[in-house]
Amino acid sequence: MATLWQLLILLCFAATVGGALASAKLAKAGFGGYALAVTIGLPLGVCCAWAMWIMHKIFVTSLRRRPDWEHWASQHEWFSATFYFTKILWIVFALFLGGWVSSAILRLVF
């Protein structure tokens, strides 16, 4: 069973590829444009999802090293909301990054 965190990482990857595909659709670049957009979106999606995963591991590991971790986590419910809100912002950034990079390269090629 997947956790919410794994779902957000998958969503980050999919948003980047989706942004790249949307720019190919807007450019009306045809099959070659879609293929190029996917070729651009896949590595960008992997990089954005990897950065999201690494940041999560670093942040949570540093919090768990604190001696008052159990008390701190139970007292601050806003931690989860703030943490996941920043992830949503990263997903939106990944969506625009995929669209912007793909659009720029499609303009150069087509």
PDB file of N, CA and C in Angstrom:
ATOM      1  N   MET A   1       0.840  -1.174   0.000  1.00  0.00           N
ATOM      2  CA  MET A   1       0.000   0.000   0.000  1.00  0.00           C
ATOM      3  C   MET A   1       0.893   1.249   0.000  1.00  0.00           C
ATOM      4  N   ALA A   2       0.552   2.188  -0.814  1.00  0.00           N
ATOM      5  CA  ALA A   2       1.361   3.398  -0.965  1.00  0.00           C
ATOM      6  C   ALA A   2       0.967   4.428   0.091  1.00  0.00           C
ATOM      7  N   THR A   3       1.941   5.208   0.482  1.00  0.00           N
ATOM      8  CA  THR A   3       1.680   6.286   1.426  1.00  0.00           C
ATOM      9  C   THR A   3       1.382   7.569   0.666  1.00  0.00           C
ATOM     10  N   LEU A   4       0.923   8.557   1.398  1.00  0.00           N
ATOM     11  CA  LEU A   4       0.655   9.850   0.777  1.00  0.00           C
ATOM     12  C   LEU A   4       1.931  10.436   0.192  1.00  0.00           C
ATOM     13  N   TRP A   5       3.031  10.220   0.894  1.00  0.00           N
ATOM     14  CA  TRP A   5       4.312  10.751   0.428  1.00  0.00           C
ATOM     15  C   TRP A   5       4.699  10.147  -0.923  1.00  0.00           C
ATOM     16  N   GLN A   6       4.526   8.841  -1.091  1.00  0.00           N
ATOM     17  CA  GLN A   6       4.850   8.190  -2.364  1.00  0.00           C
ATOM     18  C   GLN A   6       3.919   8.670  -3.473  1.00  0.00           C
ATOM     19  N   LEU A   7       2.675   8.905  -3.133  1.00  0.00           N
ATOM     20  CA  LEU A   7       1.729   9.437  -4.116  1.00  0.00           C
ATOM     21  C   LEU A   7       2.138  10.835  -4.576  1.00  0.00           C
ATOM     22  N   LEU A   8       2.612  11.666  -3.660  1.00  0.00           N
ATOM     23  CA  LEU A   8       3.050  13.008  -4.035  1.00  0.00           C
ATOM     24  C   LEU A   8       4.296  12.966  -4.918  1.00  0.00           C
ATOM     25  N   ILE A   9       5.187  12.039  -4.670  1.00  0.00           N
ATOM     26  CA  ILE A   9       6.367  11.897  -5.529  1.00  0.00           C
ATOM     27  C   ILE A   9       5.945  11.474  -6.935  1.00  0.00           C
ATOM     28  N   LEU A  10       5.026  10.538  -7.027  1.00  0.00           N
ATOM     29  CA  LEU A  10       4.517  10.119  -8.333  1.00  0.00           C
ATOM     30  C   LEU A  10       3.797  11.263  -9.032  1.00  0.00           C
ATOM     31  N   LEU A  11       3.053  12.034  -8.274  1.00  0.00           N
ATOM     32  CA  LEU A  11       2.355  13.189  -8.842  1.00  0.00           C
ATOM     33  C   LEU A  11       3.336  14.231  -9.348  1.00  0.00           C
ATOM     34  N   CYS A  12       4.448  14.411  -8.650  1.00  0.00           N
ATOM     35  CA  CYS A  12       5.487  15.346  -9.095  1.00  0.00           C
ATOM     36  C   CYS A  12       6.056  14.899 -10.441  1.00  0.00           C
ATOM     37  N   PHE A  13       6.338  13.612 -10.566  1.00  0.00           N
ATOM     38  CA  PHE A  13       6.850  13.073 -11.828  1.00  0.00           C
ATOM     39  C   PHE A  13       5.823  13.259 -12.947  1.00  0.00           C
ATOM     40  N   ALA A  14       4.575  12.897 -12.666  1.00  0.00           N
ATOM     41  CA  ALA A  14       3.531  12.984 -13.686  1.00  0.00           C
ATOM     42  C   ALA A  14       3.236  14.427 -14.082  1.00  0.00           C
ATOM     43  N   ALA A  15       3.312  15.349 -13.136  1.00  0.00           N
ATOM     44  CA  ALA A  15       3.045  16.756 -13.453  1.00  0.00           C
ATOM     45  C   ALA A  15       4.094  17.310 -14.403  1.00  0.00           C
ATOM     46  N   THR A  16       5.337  16.918 -14.222  1.00  0.00           N
ATOM     47  CA  THR A  16       6.396  17.399 -15.106  1.00  0.00           C
ATOM     48  C   THR A  16       6.188  16.885 -16.523  1.00  0.00           C
ATOM     49  N   VAL A  17       5.886  15.607 -16.640  1.00  0.00           N
ATOM     50  CA  VAL A  17       5.628  15.027 -17.972  1.00  0.00           C
ATOM     51  C   VAL A  17       4.364  15.640 -18.565  1.00  0.00           C
ATOM     52  N   GLY A  18       3.352  15.854 -17.744  1.00  0.00           N
ATOM     53  CA  GLY A  18       2.114  16.475 -18.225  1.00  0.00           C
ATOM     54  C   GLY A  18       2.326  17.893 -18.716  1.00  0.00           C
ATOM     55  N   GLY A  19       3.153  18.652 -18.011  1.00  0.00           N
ATOM     56  CA  GLY A  19       3.465  20.005 -18.467  1.00  0.00           C
ATOM     57  C   GLY A  19       4.185  20.003 -19.802  1.00  0.00           C
ATOM     58  N   ALA A  20       5.081  19.043 -19.983  1.00  0.00           N
ATOM     59  CA  ALA A  20       5.792  18.932 -21.261  1.00  0.00           C
ATOM     60  C   ALA A  20       4.832  18.551 -22.385  1.00  0.00           C
ATOM     61  N   LEU A  21       3.933  17.628 -22.111  1.00  0.00           N
ATOM     62  CA  LEU A  21       2.965  17.231 -23.132  1.00  0.00           C
ATOM     63  C   LEU A  21       1.983  18.360 -23.456  1.00  0.00           C
ATOM     64  N   ALA A  22       1.624  19.141 -22.456  1.00  0.00           N
ATOM     65  CA  ALA A  22       0.719  20.267 -22.706  1.00  0.00           C
ATOM     66  C   ALA A  22       1.362  21.304 -23.622  1.00  0.00           C
ATOM     67  N   SER A  23       2.659  21.516 -23.460  1.00  0.00           N
ATOM     68  CA  SER A  23       3.322  22.481 -24.347  1.00  0.00           C
ATOM     69  C   SER A  23       3.396  21.955 -25.773  1.00  0.00           C
ATOM     70  N   ALA A  24       3.526  20.645 -25.953  1.00  0.00           N
ATOM     71  CA  ALA A  24       3.512  20.073 -27.305  1.00  0.00           C
ATOM     72  C   ALA A  24       2.132  20.211 -27.935  1.00  0.00           C
ATOM     73  N   LYS A  25       1.099  20.053 -27.112  1.00  0.00           N
ATOM     74  CA  LYS A  25      -0.260  20.211 -27.633  1.00  0.00           C
ATOM     75  C   LYS A  25      -0.520  21.654 -28.042  1.00  0.00           C
ATOM     76  N   LEU A  26      -0.082  22.597 -27.203  1.00  0.00           N
ATOM     77  CA  LEU A  26      -0.287  24.009 -27.529  1.00  0.00           C
ATOM     78  C   LEU A  26       0.511  24.433 -28.760  1.00  0.00           C
ATOM     79  N   ALA A  27       1.680  23.827 -28.970  1.00  0.00           N
ATOM     80  CA  ALA A  27       2.505  24.157 -30.129  1.00  0.00           C
ATOM     81  C   ALA A  27       2.017  23.465 -31.399  1.00  0.00           C
ATOM     82  N   LYS A  28       1.094  22.501 -31.252  1.00  0.00           N
ATOM     83  CA  LYS A  28       0.584  21.711 -32.383  1.00  0.00           C
ATOM     84  C   LYS A  28       1.744  21.146 -33.195  1.00  0.00           C
ATOM     85  N   ALA A  29       2.664  20.495 -32.467  1.00  0.00           N
ATOM     86  CA  ALA A  29       3.901  20.022 -33.078  1.00  0.00           C
ATOM     87  C   ALA A  29       3.776  18.634 -33.705  1.00  0.00           C
ATOM     88  N   GLY A  30       2.648  17.970 -33.572  1.00  0.00           N
ATOM     89  CA  GLY A  30       2.469  16.658 -34.177  1.00  0.00           C
ATOM     90  C   GLY A  30       3.139  15.558 -33.364  1.00  0.00           C
ATOM     91  N   PHE A  31       3.255  14.386 -34.021  1.00  0.00           N
ATOM     92  CA  PHE A  31       3.803  13.217 -33.322  1.00  0.00           C
ATOM     93  C   PHE A  31       5.248  13.433 -32.894  1.00  0.00           C
ATOM     94  N   GLY A  32       6.043  14.037 -33.731  1.00  0.00           N
ATOM     95  CA  GLY A  32       7.438  14.306 -33.383  1.00  0.00           C
ATOM     96  C   GLY A  32       7.555  15.247 -32.193  1.00  0.00           C
ATOM     97  N   GLY A  33       6.678  16.224 -32.114  1.00  0.00           N
ATOM     98  CA  GLY A  33       6.674  17.146 -30.990  1.00  0.00           C
ATOM     99  C   GLY A  33       6.303  16.459 -29.685  1.00  0.00           C
ATOM    100  N   TYR A  34       5.314  15.565 -29.769  1.00  0.00           N
ATOM    101  CA  TYR A  34       4.941  14.804 -28.566  1.00  0.00           C
ATOM    102  C   TYR A  34       6.080  13.895 -28.124  1.00  0.00           C
ATOM    103  N   ALA A  35       6.738  13.266 -29.088  1.00  0.00           N
ATOM    104  CA  ALA A  35       7.863  12.392 -28.740  1.00  0.00           C
ATOM    105  C   ALA A  35       8.995  13.196 -28.092  1.00  0.00           C
ATOM    106  N   LEU A  36       9.264  14.369 -28.638  1.00  0.00           N
ATOM    107  CA  LEU A  36      10.294  15.222 -28.049  1.00  0.00           C
ATOM    108  C   LEU A  36       9.878  15.708 -26.663  1.00  0.00           C
ATOM    109  N   ALA A  37       8.611  16.038 -26.502  1.00  0.00           N
ATOM    110  CA  ALA A  37       8.119  16.499 -25.198  1.00  0.00           C
ATOM    111  C   ALA A  37       8.242  15.396 -24.146  1.00  0.00           C
ATOM    112  N   VAL A  38       7.929  14.173 -24.518  1.00  0.00           N
ATOM    113  CA  VAL A  38       8.075  13.055 -23.582  1.00  0.00           C
ATOM    114  C   VAL A  38       9.546  12.829 -23.263  1.00  0.00           C
ATOM    115  N   THR A  39      10.391  12.943 -24.282  1.00  0.00           N
ATOM    116  CA  THR A  39      11.833  12.774 -24.068  1.00  0.00           C
ATOM    117  C   THR A  39      12.383  13.852 -23.131  1.00  0.00           C
ATOM    118  N   ILE A  40      11.826  15.028 -23.176  1.00  0.00           N
ATOM    119  CA  ILE A  40      12.235  16.108 -22.277  1.00  0.00           C
ATOM    120  C   ILE A  40      11.594  15.935 -20.901  1.00  0.00           C
ATOM    121  N   GLY A  41      10.329  15.575 -20.873  1.00  0.00           N
ATOM    122  CA  GLY A  41       9.585  15.486 -19.616  1.00  0.00           C
ATOM    123  C   GLY A  41      10.017  14.350 -18.706  1.00  0.00           C
ATOM    124  N   LEU A  42      10.396  13.209 -19.280  1.00  0.00           N
ATOM    125  CA  LEU A  42      10.781  12.078 -18.443  1.00  0.00           C
ATOM    126  C   LEU A  42      12.005  12.357 -17.565  1.00  0.00           C
ATOM    127  N   PRO A  43      13.132  12.822 -18.138  1.00  0.00           N
ATOM    128  CA  PRO A  43      14.268  13.101 -17.242  1.00  0.00           C
ATOM    129  C   PRO A  43      14.003  14.255 -16.273  1.00  0.00           C
ATOM    130  N   LEU A  44      13.263  15.270 -16.729  1.00  0.00           N
ATOM    131  CA  LEU A  44      12.909  16.356 -15.817  1.00  0.00           C
ATOM    132  C   LEU A  44      12.031  15.845 -14.681  1.00  0.00           C
ATOM    133  N   GLY A  45      11.096  14.973 -15.003  1.00  0.00           N
ATOM    134  CA  GLY A  45      10.226  14.402 -13.977  1.00  0.00           C
ATOM    135  C   GLY A  45      10.998  13.564 -12.979  1.00  0.00           C
ATOM    136  N   VAL A  46      11.950  12.783 -13.482  1.00  0.00           N
ATOM    137  CA  VAL A  46      12.776  11.979 -12.585  1.00  0.00           C
ATOM    138  C   VAL A  46      13.595  12.884 -11.668  1.00  0.00           C
ATOM    139  N   CYS A  47      14.165  13.943 -12.226  1.00  0.00           N
ATOM    140  CA  CYS A  47      14.978  14.864 -11.414  1.00  0.00           C
ATOM    141  C   CYS A  47      14.139  15.580 -10.363  1.00  0.00           C
ATOM    142  N   CYS A  48      12.963  16.041 -10.728  1.00  0.00           N
ATOM    143  CA  CYS A  48      12.103  16.736  -9.765  1.00  0.00           C
ATOM    144  C   CYS A  48      11.620  15.788  -8.670  1.00  0.00           C
ATOM    145  N   ALA A  49      11.223  14.576  -9.048  1.00  0.00           N
ATOM    146  CA  ALA A  49      10.776  13.602  -8.056  1.00  0.00           C
ATOM    147  C   ALA A  49      11.936  13.184  -7.152  1.00  0.00           C
ATOM    148  N   TRP A  50      13.118  13.009  -7.719  1.00  0.00           N
ATOM    149  CA  TRP A  50      14.289  12.642  -6.922  1.00  0.00           C
ATOM    150  C   TRP A  50      14.628  13.750  -5.928  1.00  0.00           C
ATOM    151  N   ALA A  51      14.582  15.003  -6.371  1.00  0.00           N
ATOM    152  CA  ALA A  51      14.870  16.128  -5.480  1.00  0.00           C
ATOM    153  C   ALA A  51      13.848  16.193  -4.346  1.00  0.00           C
ATOM    154  N   MET A  52      12.596  15.914  -4.655  1.00  0.00           N
ATOM    155  CA  MET A  52      11.557  15.900  -3.637  1.00  0.00           C
ATOM    156  C   MET A  52      11.806  14.792  -2.616  1.00  0.00           C
ATOM    157  N   TRP A  53      12.191  13.631  -3.086  1.00  0.00           N
ATOM    158  CA  TRP A  53      12.456  12.485  -2.205  1.00  0.00           C
ATOM    159  C   TRP A  53      13.681  12.745  -1.327  1.00  0.00           C
ATOM    160  N   ILE A  54      14.744  13.258  -1.912  1.00  0.00           N
ATOM    161  CA  ILE A  54      15.973  13.529  -1.150  1.00  0.00           C
ATOM    162  C   ILE A  54      15.714  14.603  -0.088  1.00  0.00           C
ATOM    163  N   MET A  55      15.008  15.662  -0.440  1.00  0.00           N
ATOM    164  CA  MET A  55      14.727  16.711   0.527  1.00  0.00           C
ATOM    165  C   MET A  55      13.912  16.169   1.698  1.00  0.00           C
ATOM    166  N   HIS A  56      12.962  15.311   1.412  1.00  0.00           N
ATOM    167  CA  HIS A  56      12.156  14.699   2.469  1.00  0.00           C
ATOM    168  C   HIS A  56      13.030  13.866   3.404  1.00  0.00           C
ATOM    169  N   LYS A  57      13.896  13.053   2.825  1.00  0.00           N
ATOM    170  CA  LYS A  57      14.762  12.203   3.649  1.00  0.00           C
ATOM    171  C   LYS A  57      15.699  13.038   4.522  1.00  0.00           C
ATOM    172  N   ILE A  58      16.269  14.088   3.963  1.00  0.00           N
ATOM    173  CA  ILE A  58      17.186  14.933   4.728  1.00  0.00           C
ATOM    174  C   ILE A  58      16.445  15.643   5.859  1.00  0.00           C
ATOM    175  N   PHE A  59      15.291  16.187   5.555  1.00  0.00           N
ATOM    176  CA  PHE A  59      14.539  16.946   6.541  1.00  0.00           C
ATOM    177  C   PHE A  59      14.037  16.063   7.679  1.00  0.00           C
ATOM    178  N   VAL A  60      13.440  14.936   7.339  1.00  0.00           N
ATOM    179  CA  VAL A  60      12.896  14.057   8.376  1.00  0.00           C
ATOM    180  C   VAL A  60      14.017  13.426   9.195  1.00  0.00           C
ATOM    181  N   THR A  61      15.117  13.068   8.562  1.00  0.00           N
ATOM    182  CA  THR A  61      16.242  12.491   9.303  1.00  0.00           C
ATOM    183  C   THR A  61      16.808  13.505  10.286  1.00  0.00           C
ATOM    184  N   SER A  62      16.927  14.753   9.863  1.00  0.00           N
ATOM    185  CA  SER A  62      17.455  15.765  10.782  1.00  0.00           C
ATOM    186  C   SER A  62      16.485  16.034  11.928  1.00  0.00           C
ATOM    187  N   LEU A  63      15.191  15.967  11.678  1.00  0.00           N
ATOM    188  CA  LEU A  63      14.225  16.144  12.760  1.00  0.00           C
ATOM    189  C   LEU A  63      14.257  14.984  13.745  1.00  0.00           C
ATOM    190  N   ARG A  64      14.391  13.779  13.236  1.00  0.00           N
ATOM    191  CA  ARG A  64      14.393  12.608  14.124  1.00  0.00           C
ATOM    192  C   ARG A  64      15.640  12.527  14.983  1.00  0.00           C
ATOM    193  N   ARG A  65      16.687  13.206  14.596  1.00  0.00           N
ATOM    194  CA  ARG A  65      17.906  13.221  15.406  1.00  0.00           C
ATOM    195  C   ARG A  65      17.769  14.119  16.628  1.00  0.00           C
ATOM    196  N   ARG A  66      16.785  14.982  16.613  1.00  0.00           N
ATOM    197  CA  ARG A  66      16.576  15.874  17.757  1.00  0.00           C
ATOM    198  C   ARG A  66      16.119  15.056  18.955  1.00  0.00           C
ATOM    199  N   PRO A  67      16.617  15.370  20.140  1.00  0.00           N
ATOM    200  CA  PRO A  67      16.210  14.602  21.325  1.00  0.00           C
ATOM    201  C   PRO A  67      14.735  14.782  21.681  1.00  0.00           C
ATOM    202  N   ASP A  68      14.151  15.911  21.322  1.00  0.00           N
ATOM    203  CA  ASP A  68      12.745  16.148  21.654  1.00  0.00           C
ATOM    204  C   ASP A  68      11.811  15.877  20.469  1.00  0.00           C
ATOM    205  N   TRP A  69      12.195  14.967  19.589  1.00  0.00           N
ATOM    206  CA  TRP A  69      11.423  14.682  18.371  1.00  0.00           C
ATOM    207  C   TRP A  69      10.006  14.230  18.683  1.00  0.00           C
ATOM    208  N   GLU A  70       9.826  13.287  19.576  1.00  0.00           N
ATOM    209  CA  GLU A  70       8.487  12.770  19.865  1.00  0.00           C
ATOM    210  C   GLU A  70       7.590  13.864  20.443  1.00  0.00           C
ATOM    211  N   HIS A  71       8.102  14.640  21.343  1.00  0.00           N
ATOM    212  CA  HIS A  71       7.315  15.716  21.946  1.00  0.00           C
ATOM    213  C   HIS A  71       7.020  16.800  20.914  1.00  0.00           C
ATOM    214  N   TRP A  72       8.017  17.141  20.102  1.00  0.00           N
ATOM    215  CA  TRP A  72       7.859  18.192  19.109  1.00  0.00           C
ATOM    216  C   TRP A  72       6.826  17.808  18.058  1.00  0.00           C
ATOM    217  N   ALA A  73       6.900  16.580  17.559  1.00  0.00           N
ATOM    218  CA  ALA A  73       5.983  16.141  16.501  1.00  0.00           C
ATOM    219  C   ALA A  73       4.551  16.046  16.998  1.00  0.00           C
ATOM    220  N   SER A  74       4.370  15.650  18.252  1.00  0.00           N
ATOM    221  CA  SER A  74       3.007  15.512  18.759  1.00  0.00           C
ATOM    222  C   SER A  74       2.382  16.863  19.093  1.00  0.00           C
ATOM    223  N   GLN A  75       3.174  17.861  19.374  1.00  0.00           N
ATOM    224  CA  GLN A  75       2.644  19.161  19.778  1.00  0.00           C
ATOM    225  C   GLN A  75       2.345  20.082  18.593  1.00  0.00           C
ATOM    226  N   HIS A  76       2.928  19.856  17.478  1.00  0.00           N
ATOM    227  CA  HIS A  76       2.762  20.776  16.355  1.00  0.00           C
ATOM    228  C   HIS A  76       2.085  20.083  15.172  1.00  0.00           C
ATOM    229  N   GLU A  77       0.772  20.202  15.135  1.00  0.00           N
ATOM    230  CA  GLU A  77       0.041  19.607  14.020  1.00  0.00           C
ATOM    231  C   GLU A  77       0.263  20.367  12.724  1.00  0.00           C
ATOM    232  N   TRP A  78       0.658  21.610  12.831  1.00  0.00           N
ATOM    233  CA  TRP A  78       0.888  22.411  11.638  1.00  0.00           C
ATOM    234  C   TRP A  78       2.087  21.910  10.854  1.00  0.00           C
ATOM    235  N   PHE A  79       2.935  21.091  11.490  1.00  0.00           N
ATOM    236  CA  PHE A  79       4.116  20.568  10.799  1.00  0.00           C
ATOM    237  C   PHE A  79       3.720  19.807   9.540  1.00  0.00           C
ATOM    238  N   SER A  80       2.765  18.907   9.675  1.00  0.00           N
ATOM    239  CA  SER A  80       2.348  18.100   8.516  1.00  0.00           C
ATOM    240  C   SER A  80       1.729  18.969   7.440  1.00  0.00           C
ATOM    241  N   ALA A  81       0.869  19.870   7.838  1.00  0.00           N
ATOM    242  CA  ALA A  81       0.203  20.714   6.849  1.00  0.00           C
ATOM    243  C   ALA A  81       1.204  21.588   6.107  1.00  0.00           C
ATOM    244  N   THR A  82       2.122  22.182   6.822  1.00  0.00           N
ATOM    245  CA  THR A  82       3.127  23.034   6.195  1.00  0.00           C
ATOM    246  C   THR A  82       4.054  22.225   5.303  1.00  0.00           C
ATOM    247  N   PHE A  83       4.460  21.062   5.790  1.00  0.00           N
ATOM    248  CA  PHE A  83       5.363  20.215   5.028  1.00  0.00           C
ATOM    249  C   PHE A  83       4.722  19.771   3.717  1.00  0.00           C
ATOM    250  N   TYR A  84       3.475  19.338   3.761  1.00  0.00           N
ATOM    251  CA  TYR A  84       2.808  18.895   2.540  1.00  0.00           C
ATOM    252  C   TYR A  84       2.438  20.065   1.638  1.00  0.00           C
ATOM    253  N   PHE A  85       2.183  21.227   2.196  1.00  0.00           N
ATOM    254  CA  PHE A  85       1.923  22.405   1.365  1.00  0.00           C
ATOM    255  C   PHE A  85       3.157  22.758   0.536  1.00  0.00           C
ATOM    256  N   THR A  86       4.336  22.655   1.138  1.00  0.00           N
ATOM    257  CA  THR A  86       5.558  22.927   0.369  1.00  0.00           C
ATOM    258  C   THR A  86       5.739  21.894  -0.734  1.00  0.00           C
ATOM    259  N   LYS A  87       5.311  20.677  -0.513  1.00  0.00           N
ATOM    260  CA  LYS A  87       5.394  19.651  -1.552  1.00  0.00           C
ATOM    261  C   LYS A  87       4.453  19.976  -2.710  1.00  0.00           C
ATOM    262  N   ILE A  88       3.276  20.477  -2.394  1.00  0.00           N
ATOM    263  CA  ILE A  88       2.335  20.869  -3.449  1.00  0.00           C
ATOM    264  C   ILE A  88       2.923  22.023  -4.266  1.00  0.00           C
ATOM    265  N   LEU A  89       3.561  22.968  -3.594  1.00  0.00           N
ATOM    266  CA  LEU A  89       4.217  24.050  -4.328  1.00  0.00           C
ATOM    267  C   LEU A  89       5.321  23.520  -5.237  1.00  0.00           C
ATOM    268  N   TRP A  90       6.077  22.529  -4.771  1.00  0.00           N
ATOM    269  CA  TRP A  90       7.128  21.934  -5.594  1.00  0.00           C
ATOM    270  C   TRP A  90       6.523  21.236  -6.811  1.00  0.00           C
ATOM    271  N   ILE A  91       5.383  20.580  -6.635  1.00  0.00           N
ATOM    272  CA  ILE A  91       4.712  19.904  -7.754  1.00  0.00           C
ATOM    273  C   ILE A  91       4.257  20.929  -8.789  1.00  0.00           C
ATOM    274  N   VAL A  92       3.720  22.043  -8.334  1.00  0.00           N
ATOM    275  CA  VAL A  92       3.305  23.108  -9.266  1.00  0.00           C
ATOM    276  C   VAL A  92       4.521  23.655 -10.007  1.00  0.00           C
ATOM    277  N   PHE A  93       5.629  23.852  -9.281  1.00  0.00           N
ATOM    278  CA  PHE A  93       6.862  24.303  -9.919  1.00  0.00           C
ATOM    279  C   PHE A  93       7.325  23.294 -10.969  1.00  0.00           C
ATOM    280  N   ALA A  94       7.255  22.004 -10.655  1.00  0.00           N
ATOM    281  CA  ALA A  94       7.665  20.964 -11.604  1.00  0.00           C
ATOM    282  C   ALA A  94       6.778  20.980 -12.846  1.00  0.00           C
ATOM    283  N   LEU A  95       5.489  21.236 -12.666  1.00  0.00           N
ATOM    284  CA  LEU A  95       4.566  21.329 -13.800  1.00  0.00           C
ATOM    285  C   LEU A  95       4.974  22.469 -14.730  1.00  0.00           C
ATOM    286  N   PHE A  96       5.225  23.636 -14.171  1.00  0.00           N
ATOM    287  CA  PHE A  96       5.638  24.771 -14.995  1.00  0.00           C
ATOM    288  C   PHE A  96       7.024  24.577 -15.591  1.00  0.00           C
ATOM    289  N   LEU A  97       7.920  23.949 -14.851  1.00  0.00           N
ATOM    290  CA  LEU A  97       9.255  23.686 -15.382  1.00  0.00           C
ATOM    291  C   LEU A  97       9.191  22.767 -16.594  1.00  0.00           C
ATOM    292  N   GLY A  98       8.411  21.699 -16.499  1.00  0.00           N
ATOM    293  CA  GLY A  98       8.255  20.784 -17.629  1.00  0.00           C
ATOM    294  C   GLY A  98       7.664  21.483 -18.848  1.00  0.00           C
ATOM    295  N   GLY A  99       6.653  22.310 -18.625  1.00  0.00           N
ATOM    296  CA  GLY A  99       6.050  23.042 -19.742  1.00  0.00           C
ATOM    297  C   GLY A  99       6.979  24.077 -20.337  1.00  0.00           C
ATOM    298  N   TRP A 100       7.694  24.792 -19.486  1.00  0.00           N
ATOM    299  CA  TRP A 100       8.574  25.853 -19.965  1.00  0.00           C
ATOM    300  C   TRP A 100       9.758  25.299 -20.758  1.00  0.00           C
ATOM    301  N   VAL A 101      10.439  24.289 -20.215  1.00  0.00           N
ATOM    302  CA  VAL A 101      11.595  23.715 -20.912  1.00  0.00           C
ATOM    303  C   VAL A 101      11.166  23.065 -22.217  1.00  0.00           C
ATOM    304  N   SER A 102      10.075  22.324 -22.179  1.00  0.00           N
ATOM    305  CA  SER A 102       9.591  21.677 -23.386  1.00  0.00           C
ATOM    306  C   SER A 102       9.175  22.699 -24.434  1.00  0.00           C
ATOM    307  N   SER A 103       8.516  23.756 -24.011  1.00  0.00           N
ATOM    308  CA  SER A 103       8.088  24.783 -24.943  1.00  0.00           C
ATOM    309  C   SER A 103       9.293  25.476 -25.593  1.00  0.00           C
ATOM    310  N   ALA A 104      10.305  25.765 -24.795  1.00  0.00           N
ATOM    311  CA  ALA A 104      11.497  26.427 -25.332  1.00  0.00           C
ATOM    312  C   ALA A 104      12.204  25.537 -26.360  1.00  0.00           C
ATOM    313  N   ILE A 105      12.333  24.268 -26.064  1.00  0.00           N
ATOM    314  CA  ILE A 105      13.016  23.363 -27.003  1.00  0.00           C
ATOM    315  C   ILE A 105      12.156  23.110 -28.239  1.00  0.00           C
ATOM    316  N   LEU A 106      10.853  23.011 -28.067  1.00  0.00           N
ATOM    317  CA  LEU A 106       9.972  22.820 -29.230  1.00  0.00           C
ATOM    318  C   LEU A 106      10.032  24.022 -30.159  1.00  0.00           C
ATOM    319  N   ARG A 107      10.145  25.229 -29.599  1.00  0.00           N
ATOM    320  CA  ARG A 107      10.271  26.427 -30.448  1.00  0.00           C
ATOM    321  C   ARG A 107      11.572  26.408 -31.246  1.00  0.00           C
ATOM    322  N   LEU A 108      12.619  25.877 -30.637  1.00  0.00           N
ATOM    323  CA  LEU A 108      13.898  25.803 -31.348  1.00  0.00           C
ATOM    324  C   LEU A 108      13.883  24.752 -32.455  1.00  0.00           C
ATOM    325  N   VAL A 109      13.222  23.634 -32.201  1.00  0.00           N
ATOM    326  CA  VAL A 109      13.268  22.511 -33.150  1.00  0.00           C
ATOM    327  C   VAL A 109      12.201  22.655 -34.232  1.00  0.00           C
ATOM    328  N   PHE A 110      10.995  23.053 -33.874  1.00  0.00           N
ATOM    329  CA  PHE A 110       9.907  23.078 -34.864  1.00  0.00           C
ATOM    330  C   PHE A 110       9.633  24.480 -35.330  1.00  0.00           C
TER     331      PHE A 110
END
